[in-house]
Amino acid sequence: MLVLLYLKRFSRHPQNTNVSVLTTIAKMNKFKFSNWLGTSPSPTAAEVEQKKQNRRSFTPFITRSTAKPRDEVPNGAPISKPAPVASEKPAHTPSRLTELAKKIASETEKLERYMQENNLPMPTLDPNGPSDFPRLPEDIQKSRMEIIFATRELEALAHGPREDVRWKTWSFQDSLSLQLVNHFGIAKLVPINGTITLAELQTKTSLDPVNLARVLRHVMTNRIFREPSHGVIAHTAASRLLAEDQALQDWVGYNLEDNFPASAHVLQALKAYPEATSLTRTGFNFAFDTVDKEPMFVTFGKDPPRAKRFGGAMLSLTGGEGYEVRHLVDSYDFEEIDARGGTMVDIGGSHGFVSIDLAKKWKNMKFVVQDLPKTVDSAPSPLCDDAQVAERVQLMAHDFFKEQTVKDADVYFFRWIMHNYSTPYAISILKNLVPALKPGARVVIKDHCLREAGQETPWDERIIRSMDMVMLAVLNAQERNEDEYRELFRAADERFVFKGVMRPRGCRMSIIEAVWDPESESEGEGEGGRIEADAQTDAGSADSAVVVEVK
């Protein structure tokens, strides 16, 4: 909580920018928690006696015995140490609060030292500061993540369990106020480097003065906008992005005007259809009155502005931390295929942004990008300015729920496709490849692959699990773990040889691979793609019914 107070203090006083907020937090480890807390009045004799009774009552729960069982024999020798005397007090150990505060301080000091030594801009809430954190080496990125994890845990401990749960229940109000700010374009009405009064701002919107003020003052609690003096509004870094970054505006709009109501109707959908596999019986369908009528993407296809917003949202996500295309380009080795001028089919690949990036590295491969006619027809021509790349990337209309038309390709690639579909649909997609496959053909999926609980960093775990909940709300689909992908291929055809899963460093998405071996009906060691060293082994695109341009 004190960390948050320091952040709040400096965000409100721009004149303090010569003192780094991170440095301030780092120095906090010089103070003891006892110095931060107020002292209580001296207790009465009755209160002292009551506390003694309380301690006696709860001693079994608050005292951890360090004595070992009598029959335990360490290093082959009987225990000779006498049992502790009842009056002995256990050694003091630092509280979790203190541990977290020290961790935040030490990791912040490490992060800030690196940034200073490398002349990197410091993070700030000022609207003229950097919009993104700079790329960091692995050890420094780990420090950054530790700060985030520890701060979140420290906040939860300072709240206490009951209050923490109580007010997390209201987190949807954060979504509500942000939705209203984004929908009414309020950020664009505030001068980027100036201020505007609430009265002036109200004349530029359809919101009345009361609702405008209440919405703005709520989003300010999340550091979106600030009020330097009463009734005067100015930008923060976050609100400036909502004014200038169209892809981020689309991300907010899609999530809060499509996903938000869909999520609110998941309970209704699950109560009515607990099997949760149909594309037309989702929370989205209940929210927008399309149950048993059409999937979400068909709804978007009938509404061009909505479809365009969805495309912008996917653009924002694709460029986001951990989702960059470079992770695939840098980590998956196409050398053998490139040497013989082989072919990759990018299925559901929109306007070919993945294939274009791959073609820039692999100079001999050919790429066929498949999507539905609306998407293909809306693609720019040429697809990219590099003629040598553009001539090797071909667009083709195709529905992946029908038999694959490109025969004998070397790789069939899916990015962000399988997670859009429940298991029956995903199996159907893979089955439709079978007639086109030659021996040794690879099927490569780029998607999330869930790890066991606790194996992810807390930050990535929350994002990936949240994506899994989104898939439930809008499509009755899911993120999958390694065993579920293995079973997906087996159910599609036992001649698929599952090669495994790898996760490029710094990426939230994994590369899942299988090889077609018509002479095998069980797993073996087929010839899969070689994984570059910069990867951790761990054991797309939008559905094609919508025109999605992601570059």
Protein backbone atom coordinates (compact mmCIF):
# COMPACT_ATOMS: atom_id res chain seq x y z
CA MET A 1 0.00 0.00 0.00
CA LEU A 2 2.87 2.35 0.80
CA VAL A 3 4.35 1.63 -2.60
CA LEU A 4 1.09 2.80 -4.14
CA LEU A 5 1.05 5.92 -1.94
CA TYR A 6 4.52 6.87 -3.17
CA LEU A 7 3.44 6.38 -6.78
CA LYS A 8 0.34 8.48 -6.19
CA ARG A 9 2.32 11.25 -4.56
CA PHE A 10 4.75 11.64 -7.43
CA SER A 11 2.10 11.35 -10.12
CA ARG A 12 0.32 14.34 -8.59
CA HIS A 13 3.40 16.55 -8.34
CA PRO A 14 5.18 16.97 -11.67
CA GLN A 15 7.74 19.21 -10.04
CA ASN A 16 9.18 16.09 -8.38
CA THR A 17 10.20 14.55 -11.69
CA ASN A 18 13.86 15.11 -10.86
CA VAL A 19 13.45 12.39 -8.23
CA SER A 20 12.78 8.95 -9.71
CA VAL A 21 9.74 7.18 -8.31
CA LEU A 22 11.62 3.91 -8.66
CA THR A 23 14.52 5.28 -6.62
CA THR A 24 12.10 6.40 -3.92
CA ILE A 25 10.63 2.92 -3.69
CA ALA A 26 14.09 1.39 -3.67
CA LYS A 27 15.02 3.44 -0.62
CA MET A 28 12.04 2.18 1.30
CA ASN A 29 13.98 -0.83 2.51
CA LYS A 30 15.87 1.48 4.86
CA PHE A 31 12.75 1.75 6.99
CA LYS A 32 11.15 -0.87 9.17
CA PHE A 33 7.46 -1.60 8.99
CA SER A 34 7.18 -0.75 12.67
CA ASN A 35 8.20 2.82 11.82
CA TRP A 36 5.43 3.09 9.21
CA LEU A 37 2.68 2.10 11.61
CA GLY A 38 1.18 4.36 14.24
CA THR A 39 1.62 3.44 17.91
CA SER A 40 -1.36 2.49 20.03
CA PRO A 41 -2.19 3.88 23.51
CA SER A 42 -0.86 1.87 26.47
CA PRO A 43 -3.23 -1.02 27.21
CA THR A 44 -5.05 -1.35 30.51
CA ALA A 45 -4.35 -4.27 32.85
CA ALA A 46 -7.61 -5.90 31.76
CA GLU A 47 -6.64 -5.60 28.11
CA VAL A 48 -3.22 -7.13 28.79
CA GLU A 49 -4.82 -10.12 30.50
CA GLN A 50 -7.32 -10.53 27.65
CA LYS A 51 -4.49 -10.56 25.12
CA LYS A 52 -2.70 -13.23 27.14
CA GLN A 53 -5.82 -15.37 27.02
CA ASN A 54 -6.10 -14.81 23.29
CA ARG A 55 -2.50 -15.84 22.77
CA ARG A 56 -3.02 -19.01 24.77
CA SER A 57 -6.12 -19.81 22.76
CA PHE A 58 -4.43 -19.41 19.36
CA THR A 59 -0.89 -20.60 20.12
CA PRO A 60 -1.30 -23.89 18.18
CA PHE A 61 -2.14 -21.88 15.06
CA ILE A 62 0.43 -19.11 15.26
CA THR A 63 3.50 -20.94 16.59
CA ARG A 64 5.45 -23.19 14.25
CA SER A 65 7.40 -25.84 16.10
CA THR A 66 10.97 -26.41 14.96
CA ALA A 67 11.32 -29.69 16.88
CA LYS A 68 11.48 -32.90 14.81
CA PRO A 69 9.55 -36.07 15.65
CA ARG A 70 11.26 -38.23 18.27
CA ASP A 71 11.73 -41.14 15.91
CA GLU A 72 13.34 -39.02 13.15
CA VAL A 73 17.05 -39.73 12.83
CA PRO A 74 19.04 -37.03 11.03
CA ASN A 75 22.30 -38.20 9.38
CA GLY A 76 21.96 -41.63 11.01
CA ALA A 77 22.31 -40.37 14.60
CA PRO A 78 19.64 -40.23 17.31
CA ILE A 79 18.28 -36.84 18.24
CA SER A 80 20.04 -35.61 21.34
CA LYS A 81 18.80 -32.04 21.45
CA PRO A 82 16.38 -31.58 24.39
CA ALA A 83 12.89 -30.37 23.71
CA PRO A 84 12.57 -26.57 23.84
CA VAL A 85 11.62 -25.09 27.16
CA ALA A 86 8.05 -23.80 27.15
CA SER A 87 9.16 -20.30 28.06
CA GLU A 88 11.54 -20.04 25.09
CA LYS A 89 10.34 -17.65 22.39
CA PRO A 90 10.68 -18.64 18.72
CA ALA A 91 13.25 -16.68 16.75
CA HIS A 92 11.77 -13.68 14.97
CA THR A 93 11.37 -14.14 11.23
CA PRO A 94 10.56 -11.31 8.84
CA SER A 95 6.92 -11.06 7.85
CA ARG A 96 5.83 -11.61 4.27
CA LEU A 97 5.10 -7.88 4.11
CA THR A 98 8.73 -7.12 4.92
CA GLU A 99 10.02 -9.74 2.49
CA LEU A 100 7.97 -8.28 -0.33
CA ALA A 101 8.97 -4.70 0.47
CA LYS A 102 12.65 -5.67 0.42
CA LYS A 103 12.22 -7.60 -2.82
CA ILE A 104 10.53 -4.61 -4.47
CA ALA A 105 13.35 -2.36 -3.28
CA SER A 106 16.20 -4.61 -4.41
CA GLU A 107 14.69 -5.51 -7.80
CA THR A 108 13.79 -1.86 -8.44
CA GLU A 109 17.35 -0.82 -7.70
CA LYS A 110 18.64 -3.43 -10.16
CA LEU A 111 16.20 -2.37 -12.87
CA GLU A 112 16.86 1.33 -12.45
CA ARG A 113 20.63 0.87 -12.41
CA TYR A 114 20.47 -0.97 -15.75
CA MET A 115 18.24 1.71 -17.29
CA GLN A 116 20.51 4.51 -16.11
CA GLU A 117 23.65 2.76 -17.36
CA ASN A 118 22.06 2.23 -20.77
CA ASN A 119 20.48 5.70 -21.04
CA LEU A 120 16.97 4.27 -21.23
CA PRO A 121 14.00 6.52 -20.45
CA MET A 122 12.52 6.03 -17.02
CA PRO A 123 8.87 5.01 -16.72
CA THR A 124 6.55 7.88 -15.93
CA LEU A 125 2.86 8.72 -15.87
CA ASP A 126 3.62 12.00 -17.61
CA PRO A 127 1.87 12.20 -21.01
CA ASN A 128 5.15 13.01 -22.76
CA GLY A 129 6.89 9.92 -21.43
CA PRO A 130 7.49 6.63 -23.29
CA SER A 131 4.40 4.59 -24.18
CA ASP A 132 6.07 1.21 -23.77
CA PHE A 133 8.71 -0.30 -21.56
CA PRO A 134 11.98 -0.80 -23.47
CA ARG A 135 13.13 -4.30 -24.37
CA LEU A 136 15.34 -5.68 -21.63
CA PRO A 137 17.81 -8.56 -21.31
CA GLU A 138 16.37 -11.64 -19.66
CA ASP A 139 17.76 -11.07 -16.17
CA ILE A 140 16.58 -7.44 -16.05
CA GLN A 141 13.19 -8.37 -17.47
CA LYS A 142 12.94 -10.88 -14.63
CA SER A 143 13.53 -8.06 -12.13
CA ARG A 144 10.79 -6.02 -13.78
CA MET A 145 8.36 -8.94 -13.49
CA GLU A 146 9.33 -9.55 -9.86
CA ILE A 147 8.44 -5.93 -9.06
CA ILE A 148 5.01 -6.40 -10.65
CA PHE A 149 4.32 -9.71 -8.87
CA ALA A 150 5.53 -8.53 -5.48
CA THR A 151 3.62 -5.26 -5.67
CA ARG A 152 0.38 -7.08 -6.45
CA GLU A 153 0.89 -9.50 -3.57
CA LEU A 154 1.87 -6.73 -1.18
CA GLU A 155 -1.30 -4.84 -2.06
CA ALA A 156 -3.42 -7.96 -1.44
CA LEU A 157 -1.79 -8.57 1.94
CA ALA A 158 -2.23 -4.96 2.96
CA HIS A 159 -5.91 -5.13 2.03
CA GLY A 160 -6.57 -8.39 3.86
CA PRO A 161 -8.44 -11.33 2.28
CA ARG A 162 -11.98 -10.17 2.96
CA GLU A 163 -11.48 -6.63 1.68
CA ASP A 164 -9.45 -7.89 -1.26
CA VAL A 165 -12.26 -10.18 -2.43
CA ARG A 166 -14.94 -7.64 -1.58
CA TRP A 167 -13.53 -4.92 -3.82
CA LYS A 168 -12.26 -7.16 -6.62
CA THR A 169 -15.95 -7.86 -7.15
CA TRP A 170 -16.24 -4.26 -8.31
CA SER A 171 -13.45 -4.51 -10.89
CA PHE A 172 -16.10 -4.40 -13.62
CA GLN A 173 -16.56 -0.74 -12.72
CA ASP A 174 -13.05 -0.14 -14.07
CA SER A 175 -14.25 -1.62 -17.35
CA LEU A 176 -17.41 0.49 -17.28
CA SER A 177 -15.71 3.86 -16.84
CA LEU A 178 -13.04 3.00 -19.42
CA GLN A 179 -15.74 1.87 -21.85
CA LEU A 180 -17.53 5.21 -21.54
CA VAL A 181 -14.35 7.25 -21.95
CA ASN A 182 -13.41 5.28 -25.06
CA HIS A 183 -16.88 5.17 -26.62
CA PHE A 184 -17.49 8.91 -26.28
CA GLY A 185 -13.95 9.78 -27.43
CA ILE A 186 -13.30 11.90 -24.36
CA ALA A 187 -9.51 11.53 -24.56
CA LYS A 188 -9.47 13.16 -28.00
CA LEU A 189 -11.24 16.22 -26.61
CA VAL A 190 -8.57 17.00 -24.01
CA PRO A 191 -5.56 19.03 -25.27
CA ILE A 192 -2.48 16.80 -25.42
CA ASN A 193 -0.17 19.30 -23.74
CA GLY A 194 -2.74 21.51 -22.07
CA THR A 195 -5.80 21.47 -19.86
CA ILE A 196 -9.54 21.88 -20.21
CA THR A 197 -12.19 22.59 -17.62
CA LEU A 198 -14.99 20.15 -17.00
CA ALA A 199 -17.45 22.82 -18.10
CA GLU A 200 -15.67 23.29 -21.44
CA LEU A 201 -15.33 19.56 -21.94
CA GLN A 202 -19.01 18.98 -21.30
CA THR A 203 -19.94 21.25 -24.21
CA LYS A 204 -18.04 18.91 -26.55
CA THR A 205 -19.79 15.69 -25.47
CA SER A 206 -23.32 14.34 -25.19
CA LEU A 207 -22.73 13.44 -21.54
CA ASP A 208 -24.32 15.67 -18.93
CA PRO A 209 -22.07 17.40 -16.35
CA VAL A 210 -22.78 14.92 -13.55
CA ASN A 211 -22.03 11.80 -15.59
CA LEU A 212 -18.99 13.31 -17.29
CA ALA A 213 -17.47 14.24 -13.93
CA ARG A 214 -18.23 10.91 -12.30
CA VAL A 215 -16.79 8.90 -15.20
CA LEU A 216 -13.61 10.98 -15.38
CA ARG A 217 -13.00 10.88 -11.65
CA HIS A 218 -13.42 7.12 -11.64
CA VAL A 219 -10.92 6.49 -14.45
CA MET A 220 -8.52 8.84 -12.66
CA THR A 221 -8.32 6.23 -9.89
CA ASN A 222 -6.64 4.06 -12.54
CA ARG A 223 -4.26 6.85 -13.58
CA ILE A 224 -6.20 7.68 -16.75
CA PHE A 225 -6.41 11.51 -16.85
CA ARG A 226 -5.56 13.72 -13.89
CA GLU A 227 -7.09 16.76 -12.23
CA PRO A 228 -4.26 19.21 -11.48
CA SER A 229 -6.76 21.61 -9.90
CA HIS A 230 -10.44 21.33 -9.13
CA GLY A 231 -12.51 20.98 -12.28
CA VAL A 232 -9.48 21.09 -14.59
CA ILE A 233 -8.62 18.00 -16.65
CA ALA A 234 -5.26 17.03 -18.16
CA HIS A 235 -3.75 13.95 -19.75
CA THR A 236 -1.65 11.20 -18.26
CA ALA A 237 0.40 8.78 -20.37
CA ALA A 238 -2.51 6.33 -20.50
CA SER A 239 -5.18 8.84 -21.52
CA ARG A 240 -2.90 10.26 -24.22
CA LEU A 241 -2.69 6.78 -25.77
CA LEU A 242 -6.49 6.62 -25.78
CA ALA A 243 -6.40 9.85 -27.77
CA GLU A 244 -3.70 8.90 -30.28
CA ASP A 245 -3.38 5.11 -30.60
CA GLN A 246 -6.22 3.90 -32.84
CA ALA A 247 -5.33 0.21 -32.44
CA LEU A 248 -5.47 0.54 -28.65
CA GLN A 249 -8.82 2.33 -28.94
CA ASP A 250 -10.07 -0.59 -31.05
CA TRP A 251 -8.76 -3.05 -28.46
CA VAL A 252 -10.61 -1.25 -25.68
CA GLY A 253 -13.76 -0.91 -27.79
CA TYR A 254 -13.87 -4.56 -28.88
CA ASN A 255 -13.22 -5.88 -25.40
CA LEU A 256 -15.62 -3.57 -23.58
CA GLU A 257 -18.45 -3.44 -26.12
CA ASP A 258 -18.32 -7.06 -27.32
CA ASN A 259 -16.42 -9.19 -24.80
CA PHE A 260 -17.69 -7.36 -21.72
CA PRO A 261 -21.41 -8.04 -22.36
CA ALA A 262 -20.57 -11.55 -23.61
CA SER A 263 -18.78 -12.33 -20.35
CA ALA A 264 -21.75 -11.08 -18.36
CA HIS A 265 -23.93 -13.69 -20.12
CA VAL A 266 -21.65 -16.74 -19.75
CA LEU A 267 -23.55 -17.89 -16.66
CA GLN A 268 -26.80 -17.83 -18.60
CA ALA A 269 -25.23 -19.74 -21.49
CA LEU A 270 -23.69 -22.42 -19.28
CA LYS A 271 -26.92 -22.97 -17.38
CA ALA A 272 -28.80 -23.46 -20.65
CA TYR A 273 -26.11 -25.42 -22.53
CA PRO A 274 -23.54 -26.83 -20.08
CA GLU A 275 -21.65 -28.81 -22.76
CA ALA A 276 -20.37 -25.44 -24.09
CA THR A 277 -19.14 -26.52 -27.53
CA SER A 278 -21.49 -24.74 -29.95
CA LEU A 279 -20.41 -21.54 -31.70
CA THR A 280 -23.98 -20.21 -31.49
CA ARG A 281 -24.76 -20.89 -27.83
CA THR A 282 -22.19 -18.67 -26.19
CA GLY A 283 -22.29 -15.75 -23.81
CA PHE A 284 -21.91 -13.54 -26.88
CA ASN A 285 -25.00 -15.07 -28.51
CA PHE A 286 -27.07 -14.55 -25.37
CA ALA A 287 -25.82 -10.96 -25.04
CA PHE A 288 -26.70 -10.02 -28.63
CA ASP A 289 -29.76 -12.22 -29.20
CA THR A 290 -28.17 -14.55 -31.77
CA VAL A 291 -28.57 -17.90 -29.97
CA ASP A 292 -28.76 -20.72 -32.54
CA LYS A 293 -28.59 -18.09 -35.30
CA GLU A 294 -24.97 -17.25 -36.08
CA PRO A 295 -21.45 -17.23 -34.53
CA MET A 296 -19.79 -14.03 -33.39
CA PHE A 297 -17.66 -13.68 -36.51
CA VAL A 298 -20.67 -13.89 -38.82
CA THR A 299 -22.28 -11.12 -36.76
CA PHE A 300 -19.15 -9.03 -37.24
CA GLY A 301 -19.12 -9.78 -40.96
CA LYS A 302 -22.53 -8.10 -41.29
CA ASP A 303 -21.33 -4.96 -39.49
CA PRO A 304 -18.29 -3.41 -41.26
CA PRO A 305 -17.42 -0.84 -38.54
CA ARG A 306 -17.53 -3.56 -35.90
CA ALA A 307 -15.40 -5.86 -38.06
CA LYS A 308 -12.90 -3.06 -38.63
CA ARG A 309 -12.70 -2.43 -34.89
CA PHE A 310 -12.05 -6.13 -34.30
CA GLY A 311 -9.25 -6.04 -36.85
CA GLY A 312 -7.70 -3.07 -35.08
CA ALA A 313 -7.96 -4.90 -31.77
CA MET A 314 -6.07 -7.86 -33.21
CA LEU A 315 -3.46 -5.45 -34.57
CA SER A 316 -2.99 -4.06 -31.07
CA LEU A 317 -2.66 -7.54 -29.58
CA THR A 318 -0.25 -8.78 -32.25
CA GLY A 319 2.05 -5.85 -31.56
CA GLY A 320 1.77 -6.33 -27.82
CA GLU A 321 4.47 -7.63 -25.53
CA GLY A 322 4.90 -11.40 -25.91
CA TYR A 323 2.92 -11.70 -29.16
CA GLU A 324 5.31 -10.28 -31.74
CA VAL A 325 5.71 -12.23 -35.00
CA ARG A 326 9.49 -12.06 -34.59
CA HIS A 327 9.30 -14.88 -32.05
CA LEU A 328 8.26 -17.29 -34.79
CA VAL A 329 10.69 -15.82 -37.33
CA ASP A 330 13.62 -16.09 -34.92
CA SER A 331 12.79 -19.46 -33.35
CA TYR A 332 11.52 -21.87 -36.00
CA ASP A 333 14.06 -23.22 -38.48
CA PHE A 334 12.85 -23.50 -42.08
CA GLU A 335 16.39 -23.91 -43.45
CA GLU A 336 15.90 -27.33 -45.05
CA ILE A 337 12.57 -26.32 -46.62
CA ASP A 338 13.97 -23.00 -47.79
CA ALA A 339 16.97 -24.69 -49.41
CA ARG A 340 14.72 -26.60 -51.78
CA GLY A 341 12.23 -23.79 -52.34
CA GLY A 342 9.43 -25.48 -50.40
CA THR A 343 5.93 -24.18 -49.72
CA MET A 344 4.11 -23.10 -46.56
CA VAL A 345 0.33 -22.68 -46.48
CA ASP A 346 -0.69 -19.98 -43.98
CA ILE A 347 -4.28 -21.00 -43.17
CA GLY A 348 -6.58 -18.24 -41.92
CA GLY A 349 -3.63 -15.90 -42.42
CA SER A 350 -5.54 -12.67 -43.15
CA HIS A 351 -3.41 -10.45 -45.40
CA GLY A 352 -0.28 -12.50 -44.89
CA PHE A 353 1.60 -10.47 -42.28
CA VAL A 354 3.21 -13.61 -40.82
CA SER A 355 4.17 -15.03 -44.21
CA ILE A 356 5.62 -11.68 -45.30
CA ASP A 357 7.90 -11.54 -42.26
CA LEU A 358 8.98 -15.14 -42.82
CA ALA A 359 9.60 -14.47 -46.52
CA LYS A 360 11.96 -11.63 -45.62
CA LYS A 361 14.19 -14.11 -43.77
CA TRP A 362 13.76 -17.22 -45.93
CA LYS A 363 14.56 -16.07 -49.46
CA ASN A 364 13.54 -19.19 -51.42
CA MET A 365 10.34 -20.42 -49.77
CA LYS A 366 6.93 -19.81 -51.31
CA PHE A 367 3.88 -18.90 -49.23
CA VAL A 368 0.17 -19.40 -49.88
CA VAL A 369 -2.02 -17.32 -47.55
CA GLN A 370 -5.59 -18.61 -47.30
CA ASP A 371 -8.61 -16.76 -45.98
CA LEU A 372 -12.24 -16.18 -46.92
CA PRO A 373 -13.07 -14.16 -50.05
CA LYS A 374 -13.93 -10.93 -48.17
CA THR A 375 -10.53 -10.91 -46.52
CA VAL A 376 -8.65 -11.75 -49.70
CA ASP A 377 -10.52 -9.09 -51.69
CA SER A 378 -9.68 -6.38 -49.15
CA ALA A 379 -5.92 -7.01 -49.19
CA PRO A 380 -3.57 -4.29 -50.46
CA SER A 381 -1.78 -4.77 -53.74
CA PRO A 382 1.08 -5.39 -53.65
CA LEU A 383 1.12 -7.05 -50.25
CA CYS A 384 4.44 -5.39 -49.41
CA ASP A 385 6.90 -2.98 -50.99
CA ASP A 386 9.65 -5.58 -51.36
CA ALA A 387 9.03 -7.11 -54.79
CA GLN A 388 11.20 -10.14 -54.07
CA VAL A 389 8.99 -10.91 -51.08
CA ALA A 390 5.65 -10.01 -52.66
CA GLU A 391 6.17 -12.32 -55.63
CA ARG A 392 6.55 -15.31 -53.29
CA VAL A 393 3.42 -14.62 -51.21
CA GLN A 394 0.13 -15.60 -52.86
CA LEU A 395 -3.36 -14.93 -51.50
CA MET A 396 -6.03 -17.59 -51.99
CA ALA A 397 -9.69 -17.81 -50.97
CA HIS A 398 -10.33 -20.91 -48.85
CA ASP A 399 -12.59 -22.07 -46.01
CA PHE A 400 -10.66 -24.29 -43.60
CA PHE A 401 -13.85 -26.21 -42.80
CA LYS A 402 -13.59 -27.61 -46.31
CA GLU A 403 -10.99 -29.97 -47.78
CA GLN A 404 -7.56 -28.39 -48.26
CA THR A 405 -6.96 -27.48 -51.89
CA VAL A 406 -3.18 -26.96 -51.82
CA LYS A 407 -1.68 -30.43 -52.16
CA ASP A 408 1.79 -31.62 -51.13
CA ALA A 409 2.94 -28.45 -49.34
CA ASP A 410 5.76 -28.76 -46.84
CA VAL A 411 4.11 -26.86 -43.96
CA TYR A 412 0.48 -26.11 -43.07
CA PHE A 413 0.49 -23.29 -40.55
CA PHE A 414 -2.22 -22.02 -38.17
CA ARG A 415 -1.74 -18.92 -36.03
CA TRP A 416 -4.46 -18.07 -33.54
CA ILE A 417 -6.92 -20.41 -35.21
CA MET A 418 -7.30 -23.48 -32.99
CA HIS A 419 -8.03 -21.49 -29.85
CA ASN A 420 -11.08 -20.04 -31.61
CA TYR A 421 -12.79 -23.44 -31.73
CA SER A 422 -14.02 -26.09 -29.35
CA THR A 423 -12.65 -29.60 -29.82
CA PRO A 424 -15.17 -30.93 -32.40
CA TYR A 425 -14.48 -27.98 -34.71
CA ALA A 426 -10.70 -28.12 -34.20
CA ILE A 427 -10.65 -31.82 -35.09
CA SER A 428 -12.63 -31.06 -38.24
CA ILE A 429 -10.07 -28.43 -39.30
CA LEU A 430 -7.23 -30.96 -38.97
CA LYS A 431 -9.18 -33.70 -40.75
CA ASN A 432 -9.62 -31.42 -43.75
CA LEU A 433 -5.84 -31.36 -44.20
CA VAL A 434 -5.42 -35.12 -44.52
CA PRO A 435 -6.21 -35.56 -48.26
CA ALA A 436 -3.60 -32.91 -49.12
CA LEU A 437 -0.72 -34.18 -46.99
CA LYS A 438 2.43 -35.81 -48.31
CA PRO A 439 4.70 -37.94 -46.10
CA GLY A 440 6.76 -35.69 -43.84
CA ALA A 441 4.46 -32.68 -44.18
CA ARG A 442 4.42 -30.56 -41.03
CA VAL A 443 1.43 -29.06 -39.29
CA VAL A 444 2.57 -26.10 -37.19
CA ILE A 445 0.24 -24.32 -34.76
CA LYS A 446 1.15 -21.01 -33.12
CA ASP A 447 -1.11 -20.53 -30.12
CA HIS A 448 -1.12 -20.45 -26.36
CA CYS A 449 -0.22 -23.75 -24.73
CA LEU A 450 -1.29 -23.89 -21.10
CA ARG A 451 1.24 -25.03 -18.53
CA GLU A 452 0.53 -26.59 -15.18
CA ALA A 453 -0.76 -24.12 -12.61
CA GLY A 454 2.09 -22.17 -11.06
CA GLN A 455 4.63 -22.86 -13.83
CA GLU A 456 3.98 -19.55 -15.59
CA THR A 457 5.08 -16.24 -14.21
CA PRO A 458 2.10 -14.71 -12.38
CA TRP A 459 1.81 -11.96 -15.01
CA ASP A 460 1.74 -14.34 -17.99
CA GLU A 461 -0.49 -16.78 -16.12
CA ARG A 462 -3.11 -14.09 -15.61
CA ILE A 463 -3.03 -12.94 -19.24
CA ILE A 464 -3.17 -16.44 -20.72
CA ARG A 465 -5.89 -17.63 -18.33
CA SER A 466 -7.85 -14.45 -19.10
CA MET A 467 -7.60 -15.22 -22.81
CA ASP A 468 -9.00 -18.67 -22.04
CA MET A 469 -12.00 -17.03 -20.35
CA VAL A 470 -12.50 -14.74 -23.36
CA MET A 471 -12.59 -17.78 -25.64
CA LEU A 472 -15.32 -19.29 -23.46
CA ALA A 473 -17.38 -16.10 -23.51
CA VAL A 474 -17.38 -15.39 -27.22
CA LEU A 475 -16.88 -18.76 -28.96
CA ASN A 476 -17.19 -21.63 -26.45
CA ALA A 477 -13.58 -22.25 -27.43
CA GLN A 478 -10.48 -22.77 -25.31
CA GLU A 479 -6.75 -22.53 -24.83
CA ARG A 480 -5.19 -26.02 -24.60
CA ASN A 481 -2.32 -27.76 -22.84
CA GLU A 482 0.18 -30.11 -24.46
CA ASP A 483 -1.83 -33.27 -23.77
CA GLU A 484 -4.94 -31.69 -25.27
CA TYR A 485 -3.06 -30.79 -28.46
CA ARG A 486 -1.64 -34.30 -28.62
CA GLU A 487 -5.15 -35.72 -28.33
CA LEU A 488 -6.44 -33.27 -30.94
CA PHE A 489 -4.06 -34.68 -33.55
CA ARG A 490 -4.72 -38.27 -32.49
CA ALA A 491 -8.48 -37.76 -32.77
CA ALA A 492 -8.10 -36.19 -36.22
CA ASP A 493 -5.98 -39.06 -37.57
CA GLU A 494 -3.62 -41.49 -35.87
CA ARG A 495 -1.12 -41.05 -38.69
CA PHE A 496 -0.19 -37.66 -37.29
CA VAL A 497 3.04 -37.96 -35.30
CA PHE A 498 2.99 -35.41 -32.49
CA LYS A 499 6.42 -33.79 -32.18
CA GLY A 500 5.83 -31.63 -29.13
CA VAL A 501 5.59 -28.04 -27.97
CA MET A 502 8.18 -25.30 -27.67
CA ARG A 503 7.95 -21.79 -26.27
CA PRO A 504 10.29 -19.08 -27.58
CA ARG A 505 11.84 -17.01 -24.83
CA GLY A 506 9.87 -13.88 -24.12
CA CYS A 507 6.83 -15.14 -26.02
CA ARG A 508 3.44 -16.07 -24.55
CA MET A 509 2.54 -18.22 -27.53
CA SER A 510 3.94 -21.67 -28.19
CA ILE A 511 4.79 -23.57 -31.35
CA ILE A 512 2.97 -26.91 -31.53
CA GLU A 513 4.08 -29.35 -34.22
CA ALA A 514 3.00 -32.65 -35.76
CA VAL A 515 4.31 -34.50 -38.81
CA TRP A 516 2.27 -36.58 -41.25
CA ASP A 517 3.50 -40.18 -41.44
CA PRO A 518 1.02 -42.36 -43.37
CA GLU A 519 2.85 -45.55 -42.37
CA SER A 520 2.63 -44.83 -38.66
CA GLU A 521 -0.36 -45.16 -36.36
CA SER A 522 1.48 -44.22 -33.18
CA GLU A 523 3.90 -41.56 -32.08
CA GLY A 524 7.43 -41.74 -33.37
CA GLU A 525 10.41 -39.63 -34.22
CA GLY A 526 9.38 -38.05 -37.50
CA GLU A 527 11.28 -35.14 -38.95
CA GLY A 528 10.00 -32.03 -37.28
CA GLY A 529 11.29 -28.51 -37.54
CA ARG A 530 14.47 -27.70 -35.67
CA ILE A 531 14.05 -25.27 -32.80
CA GLU A 532 16.54 -22.48 -32.42
CA ALA A 533 18.56 -22.32 -29.21
CA ASP A 534 16.72 -19.22 -28.03
CA ALA A 535 13.72 -21.21 -26.87
CA GLN A 536 12.33 -22.96 -23.84
CA THR A 537 10.82 -26.37 -24.36
CA ASP A 538 7.64 -26.80 -22.45
CA ALA A 539 5.65 -29.86 -22.20
CA GLY A 540 -4.48 -16.70 -35.23
CA SER A 541 -5.50 -15.00 -36.45
CA ALA A 542 -9.17 -14.10 -36.23
CA ASP A 543 -11.76 -16.45 -37.63
CA SER A 544 -11.89 -15.99 -41.34
CA ALA A 545 -15.49 -14.80 -41.48
CA VAL A 546 -14.24 -11.31 -40.69
CA VAL A 547 -12.01 -9.06 -42.74
CA VAL A 548 -9.03 -8.61 -40.44
CA GLU A 549 -6.05 -6.65 -41.64
CA VAL A 550 -3.11 -6.98 -39.30
CA LYS A 551 0.26 -5.72 -40.47
